[in-house]
Amino acid sequence: MASAERTVQFICDQIGLGRRVIFRKMFGEYALYLDGKVTALICDDQLFLKPTPEGRAYLGKVREAAPYPGAKKYFLLTEELDDPDRLGEVFQITARALPAPRSQRPASDARTRKKSPRKKA
């Protein structure tokens, strides 16, 4: 079942970090980005936060579940949706703990790159 965009918008509003949080639709579900890092997924109208030791330390006891079949387990956040301060804080903690996104070379660069001429011996 695909997630509803109104659910995604509600969750983003609850996080309370304004334009720092963006979402992108992926295969009927959504990825949430904080400061350019994929921090969470919304699948079947449920919020799944990427697991980090720092996030676990902040949250304490946390429920884990796979956002879709075959996926690794994420932190399934439910009660946190009712506490915007706690939700925003765990998002920031998680984003700080995640590695910086890899810079991707635009696909057009790979196609237009010229081969260097070979020197003849």
N, C-alpha and C. Protein backbone atom coordinates (compact mmCIF):
# COMPACT_ATOMS: atom_id res chain seq x y z
N MET A 1 0.83 -1.17 0.00
CA MET A 1 0.00 0.00 0.00
C MET A 1 0.88 1.24 0.00
N ALA A 2 0.67 2.14 -0.89
CA ALA A 2 1.46 3.35 -0.98
C ALA A 2 1.08 4.33 0.13
N SER A 3 2.05 5.10 0.56
CA SER A 3 1.81 6.12 1.58
C SER A 3 1.10 7.32 0.98
N ALA A 4 0.28 7.97 1.78
CA ALA A 4 -0.43 9.17 1.34
C ALA A 4 0.47 10.39 1.54
N GLU A 5 0.44 11.29 0.57
CA GLU A 5 1.28 12.48 0.69
C GLU A 5 0.87 13.33 1.89
N ARG A 6 -0.39 13.32 2.26
CA ARG A 6 -0.81 14.10 3.43
C ARG A 6 -0.17 13.55 4.70
N THR A 7 0.05 12.24 4.77
CA THR A 7 0.74 11.65 5.91
C THR A 7 2.19 12.12 5.94
N VAL A 8 2.81 12.13 4.79
CA VAL A 8 4.21 12.57 4.69
C VAL A 8 4.32 14.03 5.12
N GLN A 9 3.42 14.86 4.65
CA GLN A 9 3.45 16.27 5.01
C GLN A 9 3.22 16.46 6.51
N PHE A 10 2.31 15.68 7.09
CA PHE A 10 2.07 15.74 8.53
C PHE A 10 3.34 15.40 9.30
N ILE A 11 4.01 14.31 8.91
CA ILE A 11 5.24 13.89 9.60
C ILE A 11 6.31 14.95 9.47
N CYS A 12 6.48 15.52 8.28
CA CYS A 12 7.48 16.58 8.09
C CYS A 12 7.17 17.78 8.98
N ASP A 13 5.90 18.13 9.10
CA ASP A 13 5.51 19.23 9.98
C ASP A 13 5.80 18.89 11.44
N GLN A 14 5.57 17.66 11.84
CA GLN A 14 5.83 17.24 13.21
C GLN A 14 7.32 17.27 13.54
N ILE A 15 8.17 16.99 12.57
CA ILE A 15 9.61 17.02 12.79
C ILE A 15 10.03 18.43 13.19
N GLY A 16 9.38 19.43 12.61
CA GLY A 16 9.57 20.81 13.03
C GLY A 16 10.88 21.46 12.64
N LEU A 17 11.51 20.98 11.59
CA LEU A 17 12.79 21.56 11.17
C LEU A 17 12.68 22.34 9.87
N GLY A 18 11.46 22.69 9.50
CA GLY A 18 11.23 23.54 8.34
C GLY A 18 11.78 22.98 7.04
N ARG A 19 12.44 23.85 6.30
CA ARG A 19 12.95 23.48 4.98
C ARG A 19 14.18 22.59 5.02
N ARG A 20 14.68 22.32 6.21
CA ARG A 20 15.81 21.38 6.31
C ARG A 20 15.37 19.97 5.98
N VAL A 21 14.07 19.70 6.11
CA VAL A 21 13.52 18.37 5.82
C VAL A 21 12.80 18.43 4.48
N ILE A 22 13.21 17.56 3.58
CA ILE A 22 12.52 17.43 2.30
C ILE A 22 12.16 15.97 2.11
N PHE A 23 11.21 15.72 1.21
CA PHE A 23 10.86 14.33 0.92
C PHE A 23 10.85 14.13 -0.58
N ARG A 24 11.11 12.89 -0.96
CA ARG A 24 11.06 12.49 -2.37
C ARG A 24 10.30 11.19 -2.48
N LYS A 25 9.44 11.12 -3.47
CA LYS A 25 8.66 9.91 -3.70
C LYS A 25 9.54 8.87 -4.38
N MET A 26 9.46 7.65 -3.88
CA MET A 26 10.24 6.54 -4.43
C MET A 26 9.37 5.29 -4.43
N PHE A 27 8.99 4.81 -5.59
CA PHE A 27 8.24 3.57 -5.72
C PHE A 27 6.95 3.58 -4.90
N GLY A 28 6.27 4.71 -4.86
CA GLY A 28 5.03 4.82 -4.12
C GLY A 28 5.20 5.13 -2.65
N GLU A 29 6.43 5.10 -2.18
CA GLU A 29 6.73 5.43 -0.79
C GLU A 29 7.63 6.67 -0.79
N TYR A 30 8.16 7.06 0.37
CA TYR A 30 8.89 8.32 0.46
C TYR A 30 10.18 8.17 1.25
N ALA A 31 11.19 8.92 0.83
CA ALA A 31 12.43 9.06 1.58
C ALA A 31 12.44 10.47 2.16
N LEU A 32 12.84 10.60 3.42
CA LEU A 32 12.96 11.90 4.07
C LEU A 32 14.44 12.24 4.18
N TYR A 33 14.77 13.45 3.77
CA TYR A 33 16.14 13.94 3.81
C TYR A 33 16.22 15.06 4.84
N LEU A 34 17.25 15.02 5.67
CA LEU A 34 17.55 16.12 6.57
C LEU A 34 18.94 16.60 6.22
N ASP A 35 19.04 17.85 5.84
CA ASP A 35 20.32 18.44 5.44
C ASP A 35 21.00 17.61 4.36
N GLY A 36 20.22 17.11 3.42
CA GLY A 36 20.76 16.37 2.28
C GLY A 36 21.04 14.90 2.53
N LYS A 37 20.78 14.40 3.72
CA LYS A 37 21.04 12.99 4.05
C LYS A 37 19.72 12.25 4.18
N VAL A 38 19.63 11.07 3.56
CA VAL A 38 18.44 10.24 3.74
C VAL A 38 18.46 9.77 5.19
N THR A 39 17.46 10.21 5.94
CA THR A 39 17.41 9.96 7.37
C THR A 39 16.30 8.98 7.74
N ALA A 40 15.25 8.94 6.93
CA ALA A 40 14.12 8.09 7.26
C ALA A 40 13.35 7.72 6.00
N LEU A 41 12.49 6.73 6.15
CA LEU A 41 11.58 6.32 5.08
C LEU A 41 10.16 6.36 5.64
N ILE A 42 9.23 6.64 4.77
CA ILE A 42 7.81 6.50 5.13
C ILE A 42 7.25 5.45 4.18
N CYS A 43 6.84 4.35 4.76
CA CYS A 43 6.29 3.23 4.00
C CYS A 43 4.99 2.79 4.67
N ASP A 44 3.96 2.57 3.87
CA ASP A 44 2.65 2.20 4.40
C ASP A 44 2.20 3.16 5.50
N ASP A 45 2.46 4.45 5.28
CA ASP A 45 2.07 5.51 6.22
C ASP A 45 2.69 5.35 7.60
N GLN A 46 3.86 4.73 7.67
CA GLN A 46 4.59 4.56 8.93
C GLN A 46 5.97 5.18 8.78
N LEU A 47 6.53 5.71 9.87
CA LEU A 47 7.83 6.37 9.86
C LEU A 47 8.91 5.42 10.34
N PHE A 48 9.92 5.22 9.48
CA PHE A 48 11.05 4.35 9.77
C PHE A 48 12.32 5.19 9.75
N LEU A 49 12.98 5.32 10.90
CA LEU A 49 14.20 6.11 11.03
C LEU A 49 15.41 5.21 10.86
N LYS A 50 16.41 5.70 10.11
CA LYS A 50 17.63 4.90 9.95
C LYS A 50 18.23 4.62 11.31
N PRO A 51 18.65 3.39 11.54
CA PRO A 51 19.20 3.04 12.86
C PRO A 51 20.64 3.52 13.00
N THR A 52 20.93 4.18 14.11
CA THR A 52 22.30 4.57 14.47
C THR A 52 22.45 4.33 15.97
N PRO A 53 23.66 4.08 16.43
CA PRO A 53 23.87 3.93 17.88
C PRO A 53 23.45 5.20 18.64
N GLU A 54 23.70 6.36 18.05
CA GLU A 54 23.34 7.61 18.69
C GLU A 54 21.82 7.77 18.83
N GLY A 55 21.10 7.39 17.78
CA GLY A 55 19.65 7.44 17.82
C GLY A 55 19.08 6.49 18.85
N ARG A 56 19.68 5.30 18.92
CA ARG A 56 19.23 4.30 19.90
C ARG A 56 19.48 4.80 21.33
N ALA A 57 20.64 5.43 21.54
CA ALA A 57 20.96 5.96 22.87
C ALA A 57 19.96 7.05 23.27
N TYR A 58 19.57 7.88 22.33
CA TYR A 58 18.63 8.95 22.63
C TYR A 58 17.22 8.41 22.88
N LEU A 59 16.79 7.48 22.05
CA LEU A 59 15.43 6.97 22.15
C LEU A 59 15.24 5.98 23.30
N GLY A 60 16.30 5.28 23.67
CA GLY A 60 16.16 4.22 24.67
C GLY A 60 15.57 2.99 24.01
N LYS A 61 14.55 2.43 24.63
CA LYS A 61 13.91 1.25 24.06
C LYS A 61 13.22 1.66 22.77
N VAL A 62 13.51 0.95 21.71
CA VAL A 62 12.96 1.30 20.40
C VAL A 62 12.46 0.05 19.69
N ARG A 63 11.37 0.20 18.98
CA ARG A 63 10.83 -0.91 18.19
C ARG A 63 11.50 -0.89 16.82
N GLU A 64 11.89 -2.05 16.34
CA GLU A 64 12.53 -2.15 15.04
C GLU A 64 11.66 -2.98 14.10
N ALA A 65 11.66 -2.57 12.84
CA ALA A 65 10.89 -3.28 11.82
C ALA A 65 11.47 -2.95 10.45
N ALA A 66 11.23 -3.83 9.50
CA ALA A 66 11.66 -3.59 8.12
C ALA A 66 10.59 -2.75 7.42
N PRO A 67 10.99 -1.67 6.73
CA PRO A 67 10.00 -0.83 6.06
C PRO A 67 9.33 -1.50 4.86
N TYR A 68 10.01 -2.50 4.28
CA TYR A 68 9.46 -3.24 3.16
C TYR A 68 10.12 -4.61 3.15
N PRO A 69 9.53 -5.60 2.50
CA PRO A 69 10.09 -6.95 2.52
C PRO A 69 11.53 -6.99 2.01
N GLY A 70 12.38 -7.64 2.76
CA GLY A 70 13.78 -7.79 2.37
C GLY A 70 14.68 -6.66 2.83
N ALA A 71 14.14 -5.62 3.45
CA ALA A 71 14.94 -4.49 3.92
C ALA A 71 15.52 -4.78 5.29
N LYS A 72 16.62 -4.10 5.61
CA LYS A 72 17.15 -4.20 6.97
C LYS A 72 16.19 -3.47 7.90
N LYS A 73 16.33 -3.74 9.19
CA LYS A 73 15.42 -3.15 10.16
C LYS A 73 15.79 -1.69 10.44
N TYR A 74 14.76 -0.88 10.56
CA TYR A 74 14.86 0.53 10.92
C TYR A 74 14.15 0.72 12.26
N PHE A 75 14.30 1.90 12.85
CA PHE A 75 13.54 2.23 14.05
C PHE A 75 12.14 2.64 13.61
N LEU A 76 11.14 1.96 14.07
CA LEU A 76 9.75 2.30 13.76
C LEU A 76 9.26 3.29 14.81
N LEU A 77 9.03 4.53 14.40
CA LEU A 77 8.63 5.57 15.33
C LEU A 77 7.12 5.75 15.28
N THR A 78 6.50 5.65 16.43
CA THR A 78 5.05 5.83 16.51
C THR A 78 4.71 6.90 17.56
N GLU A 79 5.02 6.61 18.84
CA GLU A 79 4.72 7.58 19.90
C GLU A 79 5.47 8.89 19.69
N GLU A 80 6.64 8.83 19.07
CA GLU A 80 7.45 10.03 18.84
C GLU A 80 6.72 11.05 17.97
N LEU A 81 5.76 10.58 17.16
CA LEU A 81 4.99 11.50 16.31
C LEU A 81 4.15 12.46 17.14
N ASP A 82 3.85 12.08 18.38
CA ASP A 82 3.07 12.95 19.26
C ASP A 82 3.94 13.90 20.07
N ASP A 83 5.26 13.83 19.88
CA ASP A 83 6.20 14.69 20.62
C ASP A 83 7.15 15.34 19.62
N PRO A 84 6.74 16.46 19.01
CA PRO A 84 7.55 17.09 17.96
C PRO A 84 8.98 17.45 18.39
N ASP A 85 9.16 17.87 19.64
CA ASP A 85 10.51 18.23 20.10
C ASP A 85 11.42 17.00 20.09
N ARG A 86 10.92 15.91 20.62
CA ARG A 86 11.70 14.65 20.65
C ARG A 86 11.95 14.14 19.24
N LEU A 87 10.94 14.22 18.38
CA LEU A 87 11.07 13.75 17.00
C LEU A 87 12.12 14.58 16.25
N GLY A 88 12.05 15.89 16.38
CA GLY A 88 13.03 16.75 15.71
C GLY A 88 14.44 16.50 16.21
N GLU A 89 14.57 16.28 17.51
CA GLU A 89 15.90 16.03 18.09
C GLU A 89 16.49 14.71 17.59
N VAL A 90 15.69 13.65 17.57
CA VAL A 90 16.23 12.36 17.12
C VAL A 90 16.58 12.41 15.63
N PHE A 91 15.85 13.19 14.85
CA PHE A 91 16.22 13.37 13.43
C PHE A 91 17.57 14.05 13.31
N GLN A 92 17.79 15.09 14.11
CA GLN A 92 19.07 15.79 14.04
C GLN A 92 20.22 14.91 14.52
N ILE A 93 20.00 14.18 15.58
CA ILE A 93 21.02 13.26 16.10
C ILE A 93 21.37 12.23 15.04
N THR A 94 20.36 11.67 14.41
CA THR A 94 20.57 10.64 13.38
C THR A 94 21.32 11.22 12.18
N ALA A 95 20.90 12.38 11.71
CA ALA A 95 21.56 12.99 10.54
C ALA A 95 23.03 13.28 10.83
N ARG A 96 23.33 13.75 12.04
CA ARG A 96 24.74 14.02 12.39
C ARG A 96 25.56 12.73 12.39
N ALA A 97 24.93 11.62 12.77
CA ALA A 97 25.64 10.34 12.86
C ALA A 97 25.85 9.68 11.51
N LEU A 98 25.07 10.07 10.51
CA LEU A 98 25.17 9.44 9.19
C LEU A 98 26.31 10.06 8.38
N PRO A 99 26.94 9.27 7.52
CA PRO A 99 28.01 9.83 6.69
C PRO A 99 27.44 10.83 5.68
N ALA A 100 28.30 11.73 5.24
CA ALA A 100 27.90 12.70 4.22
C ALA A 100 27.53 11.95 2.95
N PRO A 101 26.53 12.45 2.22
CA PRO A 101 26.16 11.78 0.97
C PRO A 101 27.31 11.84 -0.03
N ARG A 102 27.45 10.77 -0.78
CA ARG A 102 28.49 10.74 -1.82
C ARG A 102 28.10 11.70 -2.92
N SER A 103 29.07 12.45 -3.38
CA SER A 103 28.76 13.34 -4.50
C SER A 103 28.67 12.49 -5.75
N GLN A 104 27.64 12.75 -6.52
CA GLN A 104 27.43 11.98 -7.74
C GLN A 104 27.76 12.84 -8.93
N ARG A 105 28.53 12.27 -9.81
CA ARG A 105 28.88 12.96 -11.04
C ARG A 105 27.66 12.90 -11.95
N PRO A 106 27.27 14.02 -12.52
CA PRO A 106 26.13 13.99 -13.45
C PRO A 106 26.36 12.98 -14.57
N ALA A 107 25.30 12.29 -14.94
CA ALA A 107 25.40 11.26 -15.98
C ALA A 107 25.91 11.84 -17.28
N SER A 108 25.62 13.09 -17.56
CA SER A 108 26.06 13.69 -18.82
C SER A 108 27.58 13.79 -18.89
N ASP A 109 28.27 13.95 -17.74
CA ASP A 109 29.73 14.01 -17.75
C ASP A 109 30.34 12.71 -18.26
N ALA A 110 29.78 11.59 -17.83
CA ALA A 110 30.33 10.29 -18.23
C ALA A 110 30.17 10.07 -19.73
N ARG A 111 29.10 10.55 -20.30
CA ARG A 111 28.86 10.33 -21.73
C ARG A 111 29.66 11.28 -22.61
N THR A 112 29.95 12.45 -22.11
CA THR A 112 30.63 13.44 -22.96
C THR A 112 32.14 13.49 -22.73
N ARG A 113 32.62 12.71 -21.78
CA ARG A 113 34.04 12.70 -21.49
C ARG A 113 34.80 12.14 -22.70
N LYS A 114 35.81 12.85 -23.11
CA LYS A 114 36.60 12.40 -24.26
C LYS A 114 37.71 11.49 -23.77
N LYS A 115 38.02 10.50 -24.58
CA LYS A 115 39.11 9.61 -24.25
C LYS A 115 40.41 10.32 -24.59
N SER A 116 41.41 10.11 -23.74
CA SER A 116 42.70 10.73 -24.04
C SER A 116 43.38 9.94 -25.14
N PRO A 117 44.03 10.65 -26.06
CA PRO A 117 44.69 9.94 -27.17
C PRO A 117 45.86 9.12 -26.64
N ARG A 118 46.02 7.96 -27.23
CA ARG A 118 47.13 7.08 -26.85
C ARG A 118 48.38 7.50 -27.59
N LYS A 119 49.48 7.45 -26.86
CA LYS A 119 50.75 7.75 -27.52
C LYS A 119 51.26 6.50 -28.20
N LYS A 120 51.77 6.68 -29.39
CA LYS A 120 52.33 5.54 -30.12
C LYS A 120 53.78 5.41 -29.74
N ALA A 121 54.22 4.18 -29.56
CA ALA A 121 55.59 3.93 -29.15
C ALA A 121 56.52 3.85 -30.31
